N, C-alpha and C. Protein backbone atom coordinates (compact mmCIF):
# COMPACT_ATOMS: atom_id res chain seq x y z
N UNK A 1 -11.81 9.39 8.65
CA UNK A 1 -11.16 8.01 9.07
C UNK A 1 -10.23 8.35 9.84
N UNK A 2 -10.21 7.77 11.16
CA UNK A 2 -9.32 7.57 12.14
C UNK A 2 -8.21 6.53 12.06
N UNK A 3 -7.15 6.97 11.95
CA UNK A 3 -5.87 5.97 12.01
C UNK A 3 -5.53 5.62 13.27
N UNK A 4 -5.51 4.17 13.72
CA UNK A 4 -5.30 3.53 14.78
C UNK A 4 -3.65 3.43 15.32
N UNK A 5 -3.12 3.10 16.42
CA UNK A 5 -1.60 2.43 16.53
C UNK A 5 -1.28 1.48 15.67
N UNK A 6 -2.39 0.67 15.27
CA UNK A 6 -2.02 -0.54 14.42
C UNK A 6 -1.76 -0.22 12.66
N UNK A 7 -2.13 1.31 12.37
CA UNK A 7 -2.34 1.33 10.81
C UNK A 7 -1.15 2.55 10.73
N UNK A 8 -0.59 2.47 9.40
CA UNK A 8 0.06 3.94 9.11
C UNK A 8 -0.05 4.25 8.08
N UNK A 9 0.16 5.20 7.64
CA UNK A 9 -0.34 6.22 6.32
C UNK A 9 0.99 6.24 5.23
N UNK A 10 0.81 5.80 4.17
CA UNK A 10 2.20 6.50 3.28
C UNK A 10 1.43 7.16 2.42
N UNK A 11 2.11 8.17 1.70
CA UNK A 11 2.03 9.09 0.52
C UNK A 11 2.44 9.00 -0.44
N UNK A 12 1.68 9.22 -1.64
CA UNK A 12 2.36 8.68 -3.08
C UNK A 12 1.93 10.05 -3.62
N UNK A 13 2.92 10.60 -4.94
CA UNK A 13 2.50 11.38 -5.59
C UNK A 13 2.19 10.71 -6.99
N UNK A 14 1.53 11.26 -8.20
CA UNK A 14 1.25 10.71 -9.39
C UNK A 14 2.35 11.80 -10.35
N UNK A 15 3.61 11.11 -11.08
CA UNK A 15 3.97 12.26 -11.75
C UNK A 15 3.66 12.49 -12.94
N UNK A 16 3.62 13.55 -13.26
CA UNK A 16 2.80 14.17 -14.36
C UNK A 16 2.93 13.36 -15.95
N UNK A 17 1.60 13.02 -16.42
CA UNK A 17 1.57 12.57 -17.70
C UNK A 17 1.34 11.02 -17.66
N UNK A 18 1.77 10.42 -16.38
CA UNK A 18 1.68 8.96 -15.96
C UNK A 18 0.14 8.67 -15.57
N UNK A 19 0.35 7.17 -15.79
CA UNK A 19 -0.50 6.35 -15.07
C UNK A 19 -0.35 5.98 -13.63
N UNK A 20 -1.28 5.52 -12.73
CA UNK A 20 -1.20 4.93 -11.35
C UNK A 20 -0.21 3.61 -11.79
N UNK A 21 -0.28 2.87 -12.28
CA UNK A 21 0.11 1.71 -13.00
C UNK A 21 1.88 2.09 -12.74
N UNK A 22 1.88 2.92 -13.13
CA UNK A 22 3.28 3.12 -13.54
C UNK A 22 3.81 4.95 -13.00
N UNK A 23 2.83 5.70 -12.51
CA UNK A 23 3.75 6.93 -12.33
C UNK A 23 3.49 7.31 -10.63
N UNK A 24 3.58 6.19 -9.97
CA UNK A 24 3.46 6.64 -8.49
C UNK A 24 4.77 7.01 -7.73
N UNK A 25 4.91 8.23 -7.23
CA UNK A 25 5.92 7.94 -6.14
C UNK A 25 5.69 8.20 -5.03
N UNK A 26 6.92 7.82 -4.13
CA UNK A 26 6.94 7.89 -2.79
C UNK A 26 7.04 9.25 -2.10
N UNK A 27 6.24 9.43 -1.28
CA UNK A 27 6.45 11.39 -0.81
C UNK A 27 6.94 10.43 1.02
N UNK A 28 8.38 10.38 1.09
CA UNK A 28 8.89 9.91 2.40
C UNK A 28 9.17 10.84 3.16
N UNK A 29 10.18 11.64 2.58
CA UNK A 29 11.01 12.55 3.12
C UNK A 29 10.81 14.11 2.39
N UNK A 30 11.45 15.20 2.91
CA UNK A 30 11.87 16.59 2.23
C UNK A 30 12.52 16.50 0.74
N UNK A 31 13.08 15.60 0.59
CA UNK A 31 14.14 15.34 -0.80
C UNK A 31 13.00 14.93 -1.70
N UNK A 32 12.28 13.93 -1.66
CA UNK A 32 11.27 13.98 -2.44
C UNK A 32 10.27 14.64 -2.84
N UNK A 33 9.74 15.22 -1.51
CA UNK A 33 8.81 16.20 -1.59
C UNK A 33 9.53 17.47 -2.48
N UNK A 34 10.76 17.94 -2.48
CA UNK A 34 11.13 18.72 -3.33
C UNK A 34 11.22 18.54 -5.10
N UNK A 35 11.62 17.11 -4.90
CA UNK A 35 11.73 16.59 -6.18
C UNK A 35 10.29 16.70 -7.23
N UNK A 36 9.26 16.25 -6.26
CA UNK A 36 7.99 16.35 -6.37
C UNK A 36 7.43 17.82 -7.29
N UNK A 37 7.87 18.70 -6.25
CA UNK A 37 8.13 20.49 -6.51
C UNK A 37 8.41 20.51 -8.04
N UNK A 38 9.83 20.16 -8.43
CA UNK A 38 10.17 20.27 -9.57
C UNK A 38 9.60 19.91 -10.65
N UNK A 39 9.07 18.86 -10.44
CA UNK A 39 8.13 18.17 -11.46
C UNK A 39 6.76 18.37 -11.63
N UNK A 40 6.49 19.53 -11.14
CA UNK A 40 4.94 20.02 -11.31
C UNK A 40 4.81 21.07 -12.53
N UNK A 41 3.83 20.90 -13.32
CA UNK A 41 3.83 21.44 -14.64
C UNK A 41 3.61 22.93 -14.27
N UNK A 42 2.97 23.22 -15.62
CA UNK A 42 2.60 24.53 -15.58
C UNK A 42 1.14 24.51 -14.88
N UNK A 43 0.01 23.79 -14.80
CA UNK A 43 -1.15 23.57 -14.10
C UNK A 43 -0.84 24.26 -12.45
N UNK A 44 0.37 23.73 -12.13
CA UNK A 44 1.12 23.81 -10.68
C UNK A 44 -0.04 22.87 -9.74
N UNK A 45 -0.36 22.04 -10.15
CA UNK A 45 -1.20 20.86 -9.71
C UNK A 45 -0.83 19.18 -9.66
N UNK A 46 -0.67 18.99 -8.65
CA UNK A 46 -0.16 17.26 -8.65
C UNK A 46 -1.54 16.31 -7.56
N UNK A 47 -1.30 15.33 -8.07
CA UNK A 47 -2.11 14.55 -7.55
C UNK A 47 -1.43 13.85 -6.17
N UNK A 48 -1.77 13.68 -5.52
CA UNK A 48 -1.13 13.38 -3.97
C UNK A 48 -2.04 12.22 -3.37
N UNK A 49 -1.70 11.03 -3.33
CA UNK A 49 -2.92 9.86 -2.71
C UNK A 49 -2.06 9.11 -1.20
N UNK A 50 -2.69 8.84 -0.27
CA UNK A 50 -2.53 8.44 0.75
C UNK A 50 -3.02 7.01 0.83
N UNK A 51 -2.43 6.10 1.12
CA UNK A 51 -2.56 4.87 1.53
C UNK A 51 -2.32 4.21 3.03
N UNK A 52 -3.52 3.78 3.53
CA UNK A 52 -3.39 3.26 4.96
C UNK A 52 -3.11 2.15 5.13
N UNK A 53 -2.26 1.74 5.42
CA UNK A 53 -1.56 0.39 5.78
C UNK A 53 -1.93 -0.23 6.90
N UNK A 54 -2.35 -1.52 7.13
CA UNK A 54 -3.07 -2.01 8.17
C UNK A 54 -1.94 -3.15 8.85
N UNK A 55 -1.36 -2.92 9.64
CA UNK A 55 -0.22 -3.81 10.06
C UNK A 55 -0.77 -4.87 10.87
N UNK A 56 -0.19 -6.47 10.66
CA UNK A 56 -0.95 -7.76 11.05
C UNK A 56 -1.05 -7.77 12.45
N UNK A 57 -1.91 -8.20 12.95
CA UNK A 57 -2.52 -8.19 14.35
C UNK A 57 -1.96 -9.50 14.96
N UNK A 58 -1.24 -10.12 15.89
CA UNK A 58 -1.11 -11.49 16.54
C UNK A 58 -2.31 -12.01 16.58
N UNK A 59 -3.43 -11.02 17.34
CA UNK A 59 -4.96 -11.81 17.57
C UNK A 59 -5.60 -12.11 16.52
N UNK A 60 -5.08 -11.60 14.93
CA UNK A 60 -5.77 -12.39 14.09
C UNK A 60 -5.90 -13.86 13.64
N UNK A 61 -7.14 -14.24 13.12
CA UNK A 61 -7.22 -15.54 12.79
C UNK A 61 -6.09 -16.07 11.53
N UNK A 62 -5.55 -16.90 11.91
CA UNK A 62 -4.16 -17.55 11.27
C UNK A 62 -4.77 -18.47 10.58
N UNK A 63 -5.98 -18.75 10.16
CA UNK A 63 -6.52 -19.96 9.33
C UNK A 63 -6.67 -19.57 7.72
N UNK A 64 -5.97 -18.51 7.33
CA UNK A 64 -5.50 -18.11 6.13
C UNK A 64 -4.09 -17.90 5.99
N UNK A 65 -3.38 -18.16 6.68
CA UNK A 65 -1.70 -18.22 5.92
C UNK A 65 -1.25 -18.70 5.16
N UNK A 66 -0.50 -18.43 4.75
CA UNK A 66 0.04 -18.80 3.00
C UNK A 66 0.47 -20.06 3.18
N UNK A 67 1.07 -20.64 4.28
CA UNK A 67 1.21 -21.83 4.12
C UNK A 67 0.23 -23.34 4.19
N UNK A 68 -0.92 -22.56 4.95
CA UNK A 68 -2.09 -23.42 5.03
C UNK A 68 -3.28 -23.30 3.70
N UNK A 69 -2.69 -21.94 2.92
CA UNK A 69 -3.26 -21.73 1.62
C UNK A 69 -2.43 -22.66 0.74
N UNK A 70 -0.97 -22.82 0.40
CA UNK A 70 -0.59 -23.54 -0.43
C UNK A 70 -0.91 -25.14 -0.46
N UNK A 71 -1.01 -25.49 0.80
CA UNK A 71 -1.49 -26.74 1.19
C UNK A 71 -2.76 -27.38 0.47
N UNK A 72 -3.66 -26.42 0.56
CA UNK A 72 -4.91 -26.38 0.14
C UNK A 72 -5.03 -25.94 -1.14
N UNK A 73 -4.39 -25.59 -2.39
CA UNK A 73 -3.82 -25.96 -3.65
C UNK A 73 -3.32 -26.71 -3.90
N UNK A 74 -2.43 -27.67 -3.23
CA UNK A 74 -1.72 -28.49 -3.53
C UNK A 74 -2.62 -29.86 -3.24
N UNK A 75 -3.47 -30.08 -2.78
CA UNK A 75 -4.77 -30.82 -2.40
C UNK A 75 -5.87 -30.95 -3.29
N UNK A 76 -6.43 -29.94 -3.25
CA UNK A 76 -7.20 -29.51 -4.05
C UNK A 76 -8.73 -29.57 -3.29
N UNK A 77 -8.57 -29.42 -2.18
CA UNK A 77 -9.47 -29.05 -0.91
C UNK A 77 -8.88 -28.37 0.13
N UNK A 78 -10.01 -27.94 0.77
CA UNK A 78 -9.68 -26.97 2.30
C UNK A 78 -9.82 -27.71 3.33
N UNK A 79 -8.83 -27.64 3.98
CA UNK A 79 -8.44 -28.54 5.02
C UNK A 79 -9.34 -28.00 6.73
N UNK A 80 -9.74 -28.81 7.21
CA UNK A 80 -10.49 -28.14 8.33
C UNK A 80 -9.12 -28.07 9.69
N UNK A 81 -9.42 -27.06 10.16
CA UNK A 81 -8.28 -26.73 11.11
C UNK A 81 -9.19 -26.72 12.70
N UNK A 82 -8.75 -27.56 13.17
CA UNK A 82 -9.08 -27.61 14.58
C UNK A 82 -8.87 -26.28 15.60
């Protein structure tokens, strides 16, 4: 996968014995990496996850903005946007 200038990557690690829902911890700096190393169990293995974050582009279609989606929910139908 190639990361473009409109994307960034966030790293997270899974605290030993926890699940993805409640155990992901950020890996943003050296302090957090040191904390991760201190928490590694006897197996010496840690699960690290990479999340690609897509930045919103001004060129994107704005037809599904939160404002318009809220209006659709209120009226119960989809508005036609010129």
